[in-house]
Protein backbone atom coordinates (compact mmCIF):
# COMPACT_ATOMS: atom_id res chain seq x y z
CA MET A 1 0.00 0.00 0.00
CA THR A 2 1.39 3.38 -1.00
CA THR A 3 0.30 6.59 0.72
CA TYR A 4 0.00 9.65 -1.51
CA ALA A 5 -0.75 13.30 -1.10
CA ALA A 6 -2.92 14.59 -3.92
CA LEU A 7 -2.35 18.32 -4.36
CA LEU A 8 -5.20 19.85 -6.31
CA ARG A 9 -4.45 23.04 -8.19
CA GLY A 10 -6.70 26.06 -7.65
CA ILE A 11 -9.17 24.53 -5.18
CA ASN A 12 -11.04 26.97 -2.92
CA VAL A 13 -9.20 29.97 -4.32
CA GLY A 14 -10.33 32.32 -7.05
CA GLY A 15 -13.99 31.37 -6.82
CA VAL A 16 -13.58 27.60 -7.31
CA LYS A 17 -15.35 26.14 -4.26
CA VAL A 18 -15.14 22.45 -3.47
CA ASP A 19 -16.46 20.83 -0.30
CA MET A 20 -13.96 18.51 1.38
CA ALA A 21 -16.72 15.93 1.98
CA ASP A 22 -17.25 15.80 -1.79
CA LEU A 23 -13.53 15.21 -2.34
CA HIS A 24 -13.55 12.49 0.29
CA ALA A 25 -16.48 10.78 -1.47
CA ILE A 26 -14.74 11.00 -4.85
CA PHE A 27 -11.57 9.38 -3.51
CA ALA A 28 -13.60 6.68 -1.74
CA GLY A 29 -15.50 6.05 -4.97
CA LEU A 30 -12.19 5.40 -6.69
CA GLY A 31 -11.46 2.68 -4.13
CA TYR A 32 -8.79 4.52 -2.17
CA VAL A 33 -8.41 3.99 1.58
CA GLY A 34 -7.23 5.98 4.58
CA ILE A 35 -8.59 9.17 3.02
CA SER A 36 -8.17 12.46 4.82
CA THR A 37 -8.16 16.07 3.75
CA TYR A 38 -5.93 18.79 5.12
CA LEU A 39 -7.19 22.35 5.17
CA ARG A 40 -9.69 23.44 2.51
CA SER A 41 -7.13 24.06 -0.20
CA GLY A 42 -7.16 20.76 -2.07
CA ASN A 43 -4.85 18.49 -0.09
CA VAL A 44 -6.01 14.87 0.09
CA LEU A 45 -4.07 12.00 1.60
CA PHE A 46 -4.98 8.47 0.54
CA GLY A 47 -3.63 4.97 0.19
CA THR A 48 -3.83 2.58 -2.72
CA GLU A 49 -2.31 -0.56 -4.19
CA ALA A 50 -3.00 0.74 -7.71
CA PRO A 51 -0.04 1.68 -9.90
CA ARG A 52 0.74 5.37 -9.94
CA THR A 53 0.56 5.80 -13.72
CA ALA A 54 -3.15 6.65 -14.03
CA LEU A 55 -3.99 7.89 -10.53
CA ALA A 56 -3.86 11.65 -11.22
CA ALA A 57 -5.81 11.35 -14.49
CA ASP A 58 -8.46 9.17 -12.82
CA ILE A 59 -8.87 11.66 -9.95
CA GLU A 60 -9.06 14.64 -12.34
CA ALA A 61 -11.69 12.93 -14.49
CA ARG A 62 -13.82 11.92 -11.50
CA ILE A 63 -13.72 15.43 -9.99
CA ASP A 64 -14.73 16.92 -13.33
CA ARG A 65 -17.53 14.40 -13.85
CA GLU A 66 -18.95 14.45 -10.32
CA ILE A 67 -18.64 18.10 -9.28
CA GLY A 68 -17.86 19.88 -12.53
CA VAL A 69 -14.46 21.24 -11.53
CA ARG A 70 -11.46 20.94 -13.82
CA THR A 71 -8.27 20.81 -11.84
CA THR A 72 -4.76 19.49 -12.12
CA VAL A 73 -3.82 16.83 -9.58
CA LEU A 74 -0.19 16.51 -8.57
CA LEU A 75 0.80 13.43 -6.59
CA ARG A 76 3.63 12.94 -4.16
CA SER A 77 4.22 9.69 -2.30
CA CYS A 78 5.02 9.62 1.39
CA GLU A 79 8.67 8.96 0.55
CA GLU A 80 8.76 11.90 -1.86
CA LEU A 81 7.24 14.21 0.78
CA VAL A 82 9.86 13.13 3.32
CA ALA A 83 12.68 13.73 0.84
CA LEU A 84 11.46 17.12 -0.37
CA ALA A 85 10.87 18.35 3.18
CA ALA A 86 14.41 17.33 4.11
CA GLY A 87 15.83 18.85 0.93
CA ASN A 88 14.71 22.46 1.32
CA PRO A 89 17.88 24.47 0.64
CA PHE A 90 16.59 27.51 2.55
CA LEU A 91 15.82 25.93 5.92
CA ASP A 92 19.21 26.79 7.38
CA ARG A 93 18.83 30.53 6.79
CA GLU A 94 15.12 31.18 7.30
CA PRO A 95 13.64 30.39 10.71
CA ASP A 96 10.20 31.78 9.79
CA PRO A 97 8.22 29.05 7.97
CA THR A 98 5.79 31.64 6.56
CA LYS A 99 8.59 32.84 4.27
CA LEU A 100 9.14 29.40 2.72
CA HIS A 101 7.02 27.76 0.00
CA VAL A 102 7.20 24.83 -2.37
CA THR A 103 5.75 24.82 -5.86
CA PHE A 104 4.96 21.27 -6.93
CA LEU A 105 5.42 20.66 -10.66
CA ALA A 106 3.61 18.13 -12.82
CA GLU A 107 6.93 17.23 -14.45
CA GLU A 108 10.56 18.25 -14.41
CA PRO A 109 11.13 21.44 -16.38
CA GLY A 110 13.84 21.85 -18.97
CA ARG A 111 17.10 23.16 -17.52
CA GLY A 112 17.04 26.30 -19.64
CA ARG A 113 13.55 27.20 -18.47
CA ALA A 114 14.41 26.52 -14.83
CA ALA A 115 17.42 28.82 -15.00
CA GLY A 116 15.13 31.68 -16.06
CA LEU A 117 13.18 31.67 -12.78
CA ALA A 118 15.91 33.57 -10.95
CA ALA A 119 15.15 36.62 -13.11
CA LEU A 120 11.77 36.92 -11.37
CA ALA A 121 13.28 37.03 -7.88
CA ALA A 122 13.18 40.38 -6.09
CA ASP A 123 15.95 41.59 -3.82
CA GLY A 124 16.48 39.01 -1.06
CA GLU A 125 14.29 36.34 -2.64
CA GLU A 126 15.70 32.97 -3.56
CA VAL A 127 14.48 30.17 -5.80
CA ALA A 128 15.80 26.66 -6.36
CA VAL A 129 14.44 24.09 -8.79
CA VAL A 130 15.10 20.54 -7.63
CA GLY A 131 13.52 17.87 -9.77
CA ARG A 132 9.75 18.42 -9.73
CA GLU A 133 9.82 20.99 -6.93
CA VAL A 134 10.54 24.70 -6.82
CA TYR A 135 11.67 25.87 -3.41
CA LEU A 136 10.93 29.51 -2.66
CA HIS A 137 12.32 31.84 -0.02
CA CYS A 138 10.14 34.95 0.01
CA PRO A 139 11.32 37.16 2.90
CA HIS A 140 8.86 39.91 1.91
CA GLY A 141 5.93 37.45 1.80
CA TYR A 142 4.45 35.24 -0.89
CA GLY A 143 1.73 37.79 -1.63
CA ARG A 144 4.36 40.27 -2.82
CA THR A 145 6.60 38.03 -4.90
CA LYS A 146 6.68 37.72 -8.66
CA LEU A 147 7.59 34.08 -8.06
CA ASN A 148 3.93 33.15 -7.78
CA ASN A 149 2.31 29.99 -9.11
CA SER A 150 1.09 31.54 -12.38
CA ALA A 151 4.48 33.04 -13.19
CA ILE A 152 6.25 29.76 -12.44
CA GLU A 153 3.85 27.86 -14.68
CA ARG A 154 4.35 30.33 -17.53
CA ARG A 155 8.14 30.42 -17.18
CA LEU A 156 8.55 26.64 -16.86
CA ALA A 157 5.69 25.62 -19.19
CA VAL A 158 4.55 23.07 -16.59
CA LYS A 159 1.36 22.80 -14.50
CA ALA A 160 2.02 23.56 -10.85
CA THR A 161 0.52 24.22 -7.44
CA THR A 162 2.13 25.99 -4.50
CA ARG A 163 1.93 25.23 -0.78
CA ASN A 164 3.39 27.07 2.17
CA TRP A 165 6.01 25.38 4.30
CA ARG A 166 3.64 24.64 7.19
CA THR A 167 1.34 22.76 4.81
CA VAL A 168 4.27 20.84 3.31
CA THR A 169 5.51 19.70 6.72
CA ALA A 170 1.98 18.90 7.91
CA LEU A 171 1.36 16.74 4.84
CA ARG A 172 4.66 14.97 5.40
CA GLY A 173 3.69 14.29 9.00
CA LEU A 174 0.22 13.03 8.11
CA ALA A 175 1.58 10.83 5.31
CA THR A 176 4.21 9.23 7.54
CA ALA A 177 1.62 8.58 10.27
CA ALA A 178 -0.74 6.83 7.84
């Protein structure tokens, strides 16, 4: 049994409202077990024996069909969450977790595209692309940075969703406890 975090892009922001009970029912209908949601921003933990290959597409299709919301689903296994939480290159110089974020990417971006993200960083901001994650250090706050989810998607030409550091570590904790 593999435990996954499903990170749904754009849920309960920008006018797209989804009830967590509806998400729970959708995941249960797909046969997943140990389902729990975290916050109201599209974070669902679940377990399955099914191969990973079609999970995200199956979840996206079921959400669209059952509640009429088109979203991108990004999956990270428990092991991936543990590794990415341990691999944040900015932890040693930023004690305030509200200044740290992770943008989860649907796929690894091309190296040339990833290098261009640094041009968006304001004074004091830092960005690091590691595999399918973009680590952000936003000392002036995420709401003020040009390194937002939309800009990262445009620059990297990859679907993405961003979570703050508290959410990342909470998901890691919930996934490892499952």
